[in-house]
Protein backbone atom coordinates (compact mmCIF):
# COMPACT_ATOMS: atom_id res chain seq x y z
CA MET A 1 -2.39 -92.88 -58.48
CA LYS A 2 -3.58 -92.76 -54.86
CA ASN A 3 -3.15 -88.99 -54.72
CA ARG A 4 -4.95 -88.61 -58.04
CA SER A 5 -7.92 -90.58 -56.70
CA LEU A 6 -7.97 -88.37 -53.60
CA GLN A 7 -7.95 -85.20 -55.69
CA ILE A 8 -10.87 -86.46 -57.81
CA ARG A 9 -12.90 -87.20 -54.68
CA LEU A 10 -12.24 -83.71 -53.31
CA ILE A 11 -13.04 -82.17 -56.71
CA ALA A 12 -16.44 -83.88 -56.70
CA ALA A 13 -17.16 -82.59 -53.18
CA ASN A 14 -16.24 -79.01 -54.12
CA PHE A 15 -18.25 -79.20 -57.35
CA LEU A 16 -21.41 -80.26 -55.52
CA GLU A 17 -20.84 -77.86 -52.60
CA PHE A 18 -20.95 -74.79 -54.79
CA ALA A 19 -23.46 -76.19 -57.27
CA VAL A 20 -25.92 -76.17 -54.36
CA TRP A 21 -25.28 -72.45 -53.84
CA GLY A 22 -25.15 -71.46 -57.50
CA ALA A 23 -28.67 -72.76 -58.15
CA TYR A 24 -30.23 -69.76 -56.39
CA LEU A 25 -27.65 -67.27 -55.15
CA THR A 26 -27.57 -64.99 -58.20
CA SER A 27 -31.16 -65.48 -59.37
CA MET A 28 -33.14 -65.47 -56.12
CA GLY A 29 -33.40 -61.67 -56.15
CA ARG A 30 -35.12 -61.76 -59.52
CA TYR A 31 -37.65 -64.32 -58.28
CA LEU A 32 -38.39 -62.30 -55.16
CA GLY A 33 -38.65 -59.04 -57.09
CA SER A 34 -41.11 -60.50 -59.59
CA HIS A 35 -43.36 -61.89 -56.83
CA GLY A 36 -43.89 -58.76 -54.74
CA LEU A 37 -40.98 -59.33 -52.35
CA ALA A 38 -38.47 -56.80 -53.76
CA SER A 39 -38.21 -54.98 -50.43
CA ASN A 40 -37.28 -58.28 -48.77
CA ILE A 41 -34.35 -59.17 -51.02
CA GLY A 42 -31.89 -57.79 -48.48
CA ILE A 43 -33.20 -59.89 -45.60
CA PHE A 44 -33.11 -63.07 -47.71
CA TYR A 45 -29.44 -62.48 -48.44
CA SER A 46 -28.57 -61.12 -45.01
CA ILE A 47 -29.92 -64.21 -43.27
CA GLN A 48 -26.93 -66.01 -44.76
CA GLY A 49 -24.75 -63.55 -42.89
CA ILE A 50 -26.75 -63.80 -39.68
CA MET A 51 -26.48 -67.58 -39.68
CA SER A 52 -22.77 -67.28 -40.46
CA LEU A 53 -22.30 -65.36 -37.22
CA PHE A 54 -22.56 -68.54 -35.20
CA MET A 55 -23.41 -71.66 -37.20
CA PRO A 56 -20.02 -72.18 -38.95
CA ALA A 57 -18.20 -71.63 -35.66
CA LEU A 58 -20.50 -74.02 -33.79
CA MET A 59 -20.24 -76.72 -36.44
CA GLY A 60 -16.48 -76.16 -36.57
CA ILE A 61 -16.30 -76.78 -32.83
CA VAL A 62 -18.29 -79.99 -33.23
CA ALA A 63 -15.94 -81.07 -36.03
CA ASP A 64 -12.83 -80.25 -34.00
CA ARG A 65 -14.00 -81.89 -30.77
CA TRP A 66 -16.71 -84.49 -31.13
CA MET A 67 -17.55 -85.65 -34.65
CA PRO A 68 -15.42 -86.03 -37.82
CA ALA A 69 -15.79 -83.01 -40.09
CA GLN A 70 -16.98 -85.01 -43.10
CA LYS A 71 -19.88 -86.46 -41.05
CA VAL A 72 -20.86 -83.03 -39.72
CA MET A 73 -20.80 -81.81 -43.31
CA GLY A 74 -23.07 -84.67 -44.41
CA LEU A 75 -25.63 -84.10 -41.66
CA CYS A 76 -25.71 -80.36 -42.35
CA HIS A 77 -26.36 -80.95 -46.05
CA ALA A 78 -29.14 -83.43 -45.31
CA LEU A 79 -31.00 -80.82 -43.24
CA ALA A 80 -30.20 -77.94 -45.60
CA GLY A 81 -31.42 -79.92 -48.60
CA ALA A 82 -34.68 -80.95 -46.95
CA PHE A 83 -35.58 -77.40 -45.94
CA MET A 84 -34.60 -75.94 -49.33
CA LEU A 85 -36.75 -78.50 -51.14
CA ALA A 86 -39.65 -77.58 -48.88
CA ALA A 87 -39.15 -73.86 -49.67
CA GLY A 88 -39.18 -74.55 -53.41
CA LEU A 89 -42.24 -76.76 -53.27
CA TYR A 90 -44.14 -74.22 -51.15
CA GLY A 91 -43.23 -71.38 -53.51
CA ASN A 92 -44.29 -73.41 -56.53
CA MET A 93 -47.61 -74.31 -54.91
CA ALA A 94 -48.32 -70.74 -53.74
CA GLY A 95 -47.48 -69.12 -57.10
CA ASP A 96 -48.14 -65.36 -57.13
CA ALA A 97 -49.74 -65.64 -53.67
CA VAL A 98 -46.45 -66.59 -52.03
CA GLN A 99 -46.14 -65.16 -48.52
CA PHE A 100 -42.94 -63.85 -46.98
CA GLY A 101 -43.29 -65.73 -43.68
CA PRO A 102 -43.44 -69.38 -44.81
CA ILE A 103 -40.92 -69.24 -47.62
CA PHE A 104 -38.48 -67.15 -45.60
CA ALA A 105 -38.69 -69.48 -42.59
CA LEU A 106 -37.95 -72.57 -44.70
CA TYR A 107 -35.19 -70.79 -46.59
CA ALA A 108 -33.59 -69.50 -43.37
CA LEU A 109 -33.53 -72.99 -41.84
CA SER A 110 -31.85 -74.34 -44.96
CA VAL A 111 -29.24 -71.58 -44.93
CA ALA A 112 -28.55 -72.20 -41.23
CA PHE A 113 -27.24 -75.65 -42.05
CA PHE A 114 -25.72 -74.86 -45.44
CA MET A 115 -23.43 -72.00 -44.42
CA PRO A 116 -21.22 -74.15 -42.11
CA THR A 117 -20.56 -76.60 -44.93
CA ILE A 118 -18.41 -74.10 -46.85
CA ALA A 119 -15.83 -73.96 -44.06
CA LEU A 120 -16.21 -77.69 -43.38
CA THR A 121 -15.50 -78.48 -47.02
CA ASN A 122 -12.26 -76.51 -46.73
CA SER A 123 -11.32 -78.31 -43.53
CA VAL A 124 -12.02 -81.74 -45.02
CA ALA A 125 -9.95 -80.91 -48.10
CA PHE A 126 -7.00 -79.46 -46.17
CA ASN A 127 -6.98 -82.45 -43.80
CA ALA A 128 -7.07 -84.97 -46.66
CA LEU A 129 -4.34 -83.18 -48.62
CA VAL A 130 -1.99 -83.04 -45.62
CA LYS A 131 -2.56 -86.72 -44.86
CA GLY A 132 -1.90 -87.51 -48.52
CA GLY A 133 1.44 -85.71 -48.38
CA LEU A 134 0.29 -82.88 -50.68
CA ASP A 135 0.86 -79.11 -50.44
CA THR A 136 -2.32 -77.20 -49.56
CA VAL A 137 -1.12 -73.95 -51.17
CA LYS A 138 -0.17 -75.69 -54.41
CA ASP A 139 -2.81 -78.45 -54.61
CA PHE A 140 -5.95 -76.91 -53.08
CA PRO A 141 -6.65 -74.14 -55.65
CA PRO A 142 -6.93 -76.57 -58.63
CA ILE A 143 -9.43 -78.56 -56.54
CA ARG A 144 -11.38 -75.52 -55.38
CA VAL A 145 -11.70 -74.26 -58.96
CA PHE A 146 -14.17 -77.08 -59.62
CA GLY A 147 -16.39 -75.59 -56.93
CA THR A 148 -16.71 -72.54 -59.11
CA VAL A 149 -17.39 -74.77 -62.11
CA GLY A 150 -20.25 -76.36 -60.17
CA PHE A 151 -21.60 -72.91 -59.30
CA ILE A 152 -21.55 -71.91 -62.99
CA VAL A 153 -23.19 -75.15 -64.15
CA THR A 154 -26.24 -74.68 -61.93
CA MET A 155 -26.46 -70.97 -62.81
CA TRP A 156 -26.73 -71.95 -66.46
CA ILE A 157 -29.17 -74.78 -65.77
CA VAL A 158 -31.49 -72.44 -63.85
CA ASP A 159 -31.23 -69.80 -66.59
CA LEU A 160 -31.75 -72.13 -69.57
CA LEU A 161 -34.64 -73.97 -67.90
CA GLY A 162 -36.37 -70.64 -67.25
CA PHE A 163 -36.18 -70.97 -63.45
CA GLN A 164 -34.69 -67.50 -62.75
CA SER A 165 -38.10 -66.06 -61.86
CA THR A 166 -39.49 -69.24 -60.25
CA PRO A 167 -39.01 -71.12 -56.96
CA LEU A 168 -37.88 -74.21 -58.88
CA GLN A 169 -34.33 -72.91 -58.44
CA PHE A 170 -34.72 -73.88 -54.76
CA VAL A 171 -35.78 -77.39 -55.77
CA VAL A 172 -32.61 -77.80 -57.85
CA SER A 173 -30.49 -76.61 -54.93
CA GLY A 174 -32.20 -78.85 -52.38
CA ALA A 175 -31.88 -81.96 -54.52
CA LEU A 176 -28.14 -81.41 -55.04
CA SER A 177 -27.66 -80.80 -51.31
CA LEU A 178 -29.17 -84.19 -50.52
CA VAL A 179 -26.84 -85.86 -53.03
CA LEU A 180 -23.84 -84.24 -51.34
CA ALA A 181 -25.18 -85.26 -47.90
CA VAL A 182 -24.75 -88.89 -48.90
CA TYR A 183 -21.42 -88.35 -50.67
CA ALA A 184 -19.88 -86.50 -47.71
CA PHE A 185 -19.90 -89.68 -45.62
CA THR A 186 -17.56 -91.32 -48.15
CA LEU A 187 -14.87 -88.63 -47.89
CA PRO A 188 -11.55 -89.23 -46.04
CA ASN A 189 -11.94 -89.30 -42.29
CA CYS A 190 -10.99 -86.24 -40.23
CA GLU A 191 -9.76 -87.04 -36.76
CA VAL A 192 -11.26 -85.28 -33.77
CA LYS A 193 -9.24 -84.11 -30.82
CA THR A 194 -9.05 -86.93 -28.30
CA ASP A 195 -7.19 -85.05 -25.56
CA GLN A 196 -9.37 -85.34 -22.47
CA LYS A 197 -7.35 -82.99 -20.24
CA HIS A 198 -9.44 -80.56 -18.28
CA GLY A 199 -8.74 -76.99 -19.24
CA SER A 200 -10.59 -73.73 -19.23
CA LEU A 201 -14.18 -73.44 -20.39
CA VAL A 202 -12.95 -71.84 -23.61
CA GLU A 203 -10.75 -74.85 -24.33
CA ALA A 204 -13.47 -77.32 -23.37
CA LEU A 205 -15.89 -75.71 -25.82
CA GLY A 206 -13.29 -75.54 -28.55
CA LEU A 207 -13.32 -71.75 -28.73
CA ASP A 208 -9.54 -71.56 -28.92
CA ALA A 209 -9.74 -69.79 -32.27
CA PHE A 210 -10.94 -66.59 -30.57
CA LYS A 211 -7.51 -66.37 -28.95
CA LEU A 212 -6.24 -65.35 -32.35
CA PHE A 213 -7.61 -61.86 -31.65
CA ARG A 214 -4.79 -61.45 -29.13
CA GLN A 215 -2.36 -61.29 -32.04
CA LYS A 216 -2.35 -57.86 -33.65
CA LYS A 217 -1.85 -59.15 -37.18
CA MET A 218 -4.69 -61.69 -36.84
CA ALA A 219 -7.03 -59.16 -35.20
CA LEU A 220 -6.43 -56.76 -38.09
CA PHE A 221 -6.86 -59.57 -40.58
CA PHE A 222 -10.28 -60.51 -39.18
CA MET A 223 -11.35 -56.86 -38.88
CA PHE A 224 -10.60 -56.07 -42.51
CA SER A 225 -12.11 -59.41 -43.52
CA MET A 226 -15.34 -58.18 -41.97
CA LEU A 227 -15.13 -54.78 -43.69
CA LEU A 228 -14.50 -56.38 -47.07
CA GLY A 229 -17.18 -58.99 -46.37
CA VAL A 230 -19.69 -56.13 -46.64
CA CYS A 231 -19.19 -56.32 -50.42
CA LEU A 232 -19.64 -60.07 -50.84
CA GLN A 233 -23.39 -60.44 -51.37
CA ILE A 234 -24.37 -57.07 -52.86
CA THR A 235 -24.10 -58.05 -56.52
CA ASN A 236 -25.39 -61.56 -55.82
CA GLY A 237 -28.56 -60.05 -54.44
CA PHE A 238 -29.11 -57.06 -56.71
CA ALA A 239 -27.27 -57.57 -60.03
CA ASN A 240 -30.00 -59.77 -61.51
CA PRO A 241 -32.88 -57.42 -60.50
CA PHE A 242 -30.78 -54.52 -61.84
CA LEU A 243 -30.36 -56.21 -65.23
CA GLY A 244 -34.04 -57.15 -65.22
CA SER A 245 -34.99 -53.49 -64.76
CA PHE A 246 -33.74 -52.78 -68.31
CA GLU A 247 -36.84 -54.57 -69.64
CA ALA A 248 -38.54 -51.18 -69.24
CA PHE A 249 -36.38 -49.82 -72.09
CA PRO A 250 -37.44 -50.97 -75.60
CA GLU A 251 -33.85 -50.72 -76.85
CA PHE A 252 -32.60 -53.05 -74.10
CA ALA A 253 -35.57 -55.35 -73.43
CA ASP A 254 -34.53 -58.10 -75.85
CA THR A 255 -30.77 -57.96 -75.27
CA PHE A 256 -28.95 -61.08 -74.12
CA GLY A 257 -27.98 -59.50 -70.78
CA VAL A 258 -31.60 -58.86 -69.87
CA GLN A 259 -33.09 -62.13 -71.13
CA HIS A 260 -30.24 -64.30 -69.83
CA SER A 261 -28.94 -62.34 -66.88
CA ASN A 262 -27.66 -65.42 -65.06
CA ILE A 263 -25.46 -66.43 -67.99
CA LEU A 264 -24.06 -62.90 -68.26
CA ILE A 265 -23.40 -62.82 -64.52
CA SER A 266 -21.77 -66.25 -64.75
CA ILE A 267 -18.83 -64.60 -66.49
CA SER A 268 -17.95 -63.52 -62.95
CA GLN A 269 -17.70 -67.13 -61.84
CA ILE A 270 -15.81 -68.16 -64.99
CA CYS A 271 -13.22 -65.48 -64.24
CA GLU A 272 -13.25 -66.58 -60.62
CA ALA A 273 -12.36 -70.12 -61.72
CA LEU A 274 -9.43 -68.83 -63.76
CA CYS A 275 -8.22 -66.48 -61.02
CA ILE A 276 -8.04 -69.33 -58.49
CA LEU A 277 -5.18 -70.79 -60.50
CA PHE A 278 -3.18 -67.57 -60.04
CA ILE A 279 -3.43 -67.57 -56.25
CA PRO A 280 -0.30 -69.64 -55.44
CA PHE A 281 1.83 -67.37 -57.63
CA PHE A 282 0.39 -64.12 -56.25
CA LEU A 283 0.65 -65.27 -52.62
CA LYS A 284 4.28 -66.24 -52.99
CA LYS A 285 5.19 -63.20 -55.06
CA PHE A 286 3.29 -60.44 -53.24
CA GLY A 287 2.12 -61.79 -49.87
CA ILE A 288 -1.25 -61.66 -48.14
CA LYS A 289 -1.41 -57.89 -47.69
CA ASN A 290 -0.94 -57.03 -51.35
CA VAL A 291 -3.19 -59.85 -52.52
CA MET A 292 -6.01 -58.64 -50.28
CA LEU A 293 -5.39 -55.05 -51.40
CA MET A 294 -5.80 -56.19 -55.01
CA ALA A 295 -9.11 -57.78 -54.02
CA MET A 296 -10.35 -54.52 -52.50
CA LEU A 297 -9.44 -52.49 -55.57
CA ALA A 298 -11.16 -55.10 -57.74
CA TRP A 299 -14.38 -54.54 -55.74
CA VAL A 300 -14.16 -50.84 -56.64
CA LEU A 301 -14.13 -51.80 -60.32
CA ARG A 302 -16.86 -54.39 -59.81
CA PHE A 303 -19.35 -51.80 -58.54
CA GLY A 304 -18.20 -48.82 -60.58
CA LEU A 305 -18.46 -50.62 -63.92
CA PHE A 306 -21.97 -51.83 -63.07
CA GLY A 307 -22.97 -48.22 -62.59
CA ALA A 308 -21.42 -47.08 -65.85
CA GLY A 309 -22.62 -49.88 -68.15
CA ASN A 310 -25.83 -50.94 -69.90
CA PRO A 311 -26.94 -54.14 -71.71
CA GLY A 312 -26.54 -52.51 -75.14
CA THR A 313 -23.46 -50.61 -76.29
CA GLY A 314 -22.20 -50.52 -72.70
CA VAL A 315 -22.37 -54.27 -72.11
CA TRP A 316 -18.56 -54.44 -72.30
CA MET A 317 -18.48 -52.63 -68.95
CA PHE A 318 -20.62 -55.37 -67.42
CA VAL A 319 -18.20 -57.94 -68.82
CA LEU A 320 -15.21 -56.08 -67.34
CA SER A 321 -17.07 -55.88 -64.03
CA CYS A 322 -17.42 -59.65 -64.12
CA VAL A 323 -13.69 -60.04 -64.81
CA ALA A 324 -12.93 -57.83 -61.80
CA TYR A 325 -15.18 -60.02 -59.65
CA GLY A 326 -12.90 -63.01 -60.24
CA PHE A 327 -10.01 -61.18 -58.57
CA ALA A 328 -12.21 -59.55 -55.94
CA PHE A 329 -13.76 -62.79 -54.70
CA ASP A 330 -10.87 -65.25 -55.02
CA PHE A 331 -8.02 -63.10 -53.84
CA PHE A 332 -10.01 -62.42 -50.70
CA ASN A 333 -11.76 -65.69 -49.84
CA ILE A 334 -9.37 -68.37 -51.01
CA SER A 335 -6.22 -66.53 -49.97
CA GLY A 336 -7.79 -65.82 -46.59
CA ALA A 337 -8.67 -69.49 -46.04
CA LEU A 338 -5.12 -70.55 -46.96
CA TYR A 339 -3.63 -67.88 -44.71
CA ILE A 340 -5.67 -69.11 -41.75
CA ASP A 341 -4.69 -72.71 -42.48
CA GLN A 342 -1.02 -71.73 -42.27
CA GLU A 343 -1.31 -69.43 -39.25
CA THR A 344 -3.33 -71.71 -36.92
CA SER A 345 -2.57 -74.96 -35.14
CA GLN A 346 -4.18 -78.20 -36.30
CA ASP A 347 -6.46 -78.58 -33.27
CA MET A 348 -8.26 -75.29 -33.91
CA ARG A 349 -8.18 -75.18 -37.72
CA SER A 350 -11.88 -75.91 -38.28
CA SER A 351 -12.81 -73.39 -35.58
CA ALA A 352 -10.58 -70.74 -37.16
CA GLN A 353 -12.13 -71.34 -40.60
CA GLY A 354 -15.54 -70.95 -38.95
CA LEU A 355 -14.40 -67.70 -37.36
CA PHE A 356 -13.28 -66.41 -40.76
CA MET A 357 -16.73 -67.24 -42.13
CA MET A 358 -18.29 -65.45 -39.16
CA CYS A 359 -16.38 -62.24 -39.93
CA THR A 360 -16.92 -62.30 -43.70
CA ASN A 361 -20.19 -64.03 -44.51
CA GLY A 362 -21.48 -63.26 -41.00
CA PHE A 363 -20.98 -59.71 -39.75
CA GLY A 364 -19.70 -58.33 -43.04
CA ALA A 365 -22.29 -59.78 -45.40
CA THR A 366 -25.17 -59.06 -43.00
CA ILE A 367 -24.23 -55.40 -42.66
CA GLY A 368 -23.58 -55.20 -46.39
CA THR A 369 -26.85 -56.66 -47.67
CA LEU A 370 -29.06 -54.79 -45.20
CA SER A 371 -27.25 -51.55 -45.95
CA ALA A 372 -27.45 -52.21 -49.69
CA GLN A 373 -31.20 -52.84 -49.39
CA ALA A 374 -31.63 -49.48 -47.62
CA VAL A 375 -29.55 -47.70 -50.27
CA ILE A 376 -31.41 -49.32 -53.17
CA ASP A 377 -34.78 -48.71 -51.52
CA HIS A 378 -33.87 -45.03 -51.29
CA PHE A 379 -32.49 -44.61 -54.79
CA VAL A 380 -34.54 -47.19 -56.73
CA TYR A 381 -37.58 -48.88 -55.20
CA LEU A 382 -39.17 -45.92 -53.41
CA PRO A 383 -38.93 -43.62 -56.48
CA GLN A 384 -40.18 -46.51 -58.63
CA ALA A 385 -43.20 -46.99 -56.36
CA ALA A 386 -43.86 -43.26 -56.56
CA GLY A 387 -44.07 -43.42 -60.37
CA ALA A 388 -40.54 -42.45 -61.37
CA THR A 389 -39.68 -42.86 -65.05
CA PRO A 390 -37.51 -45.82 -66.13
CA HIS A 391 -34.66 -43.42 -66.82
CA ALA A 392 -34.91 -41.96 -63.29
CA VAL A 393 -34.88 -45.49 -61.88
CA TRP A 394 -31.77 -46.26 -63.92
CA GLU A 395 -30.07 -43.16 -62.50
CA GLY A 396 -31.01 -44.41 -59.04
CA TRP A 397 -29.30 -47.73 -59.72
CA GLN A 398 -26.21 -45.86 -60.92
CA ALA A 399 -26.08 -43.76 -57.75
CA ALA A 400 -26.27 -46.92 -55.63
CA TRP A 401 -23.48 -48.71 -57.54
CA TYR A 402 -21.19 -45.68 -57.32
CA LEU A 403 -21.80 -45.41 -53.57
CA PHE A 404 -20.82 -49.07 -53.12
CA ALA A 405 -17.65 -48.45 -55.17
CA ALA A 406 -16.73 -45.47 -52.97
CA TYR A 407 -17.07 -47.64 -49.85
CA ALA A 408 -14.75 -50.30 -51.27
CA LEU A 409 -12.19 -47.63 -52.14
CA VAL A 410 -12.22 -46.23 -48.59
CA VAL A 411 -11.68 -49.72 -47.13
CA ALA A 412 -8.79 -50.31 -49.54
CA VAL A 413 -7.06 -47.08 -48.50
CA LEU A 414 -7.50 -47.84 -44.79
CA PHE A 415 -6.18 -51.37 -45.29
CA TRP A 416 -3.11 -50.09 -47.13
CA ILE A 417 -2.40 -47.65 -44.28
CA PHE A 418 -3.06 -49.80 -41.22
CA PHE A 419 -2.46 -53.46 -42.07
CA ASP A 420 0.94 -54.57 -40.72
CA ARG A 421 3.47 -54.62 -43.54
CA LYS A 422 5.13 -57.66 -41.94
CA THR A 423 2.10 -59.74 -42.87
CA SER A 424 2.99 -59.31 -46.53
CA ALA A 425 5.90 -61.72 -46.17
CA LYS A 426 5.95 -64.41 -48.80
CA GLN A 427 4.06 -67.59 -47.94
CA ALA A 428 5.96 -70.84 -48.31
């Protein structure tokens, strides 16, 4: 009964954590594109990566050394929620006259404090499960799946309330973040390191996790995490604007995929929720190398099917793309977090999770979204501004999606060749 109560508490935390993100992550691009900020979509998504370069690691250090992780998580959500609410209220007040500077500044400050909470939520959950005598590999995925459920719920709420093209999606996100800020302080306590021995500056600052780069297998793991992280935010930022562009075609304008893009895209998260449950089996059966290789090949399908499909007779390709996303996202992110939890010592676990976030949602996602913006500007927005026909714009979108698929395929081949085969050993 005690363990069941603990699992319910962690489920609620994961649900709220990703509900905060789901309120705007897949629909923000559509809002920006419909308010004259299409050329800035990339920077809005890349700021998540830029903040992930240092904020998760810094907050992880604080959680490892000075303040319990659940309290750091609560404080971060309080600040993130306040700034996100301010961004939504400003956007709503400004209407069509919204300016890049103010809304971006408020949004960036919110993201700065939200991004560390993803790794902190993992650390809090792993710590609580271990203390409760539970198996993180077996018991964490069924908890984490409710994070995806929360993400889907707010996607649908934003879609059905008609907030996809409005800043009210930020208001929803900010309000939920403040709720989680309060709830975080009720979660099981995470002990901080009390060892007061004087060591090196690296040890004093809690930067022990960077020592992992001395191990070849960990260095390769983080390097390929960064390369695959390039793919993470591309469809989040540009899938909704892509589907919205079909409004220019009379035969597609009233289709479900165009009018309710968020719900169509949410199939990705539904499949993600289901795929989480397969992770323990796949890790034990195939090992980390093969699981990550599956994720990379799934990204190839994710992008390629977007390029080949349409909201009419080709909508089945969009659906298959969403199915592929479940494997692409989960087999990479969740398996990676579990791998780090098993391969690092307890006193640097939060720092190591922050380092993983730095490589994926930091360097990788930043490079990916800025590069994707340049590619889409070249193939889509510049021709569109020059008066290209809707069909030419569609062909531009296709070229961009196929280029992203080719990149993912190259990374998969390199990973298969260079990643140490010993790291594919079965995880206990």
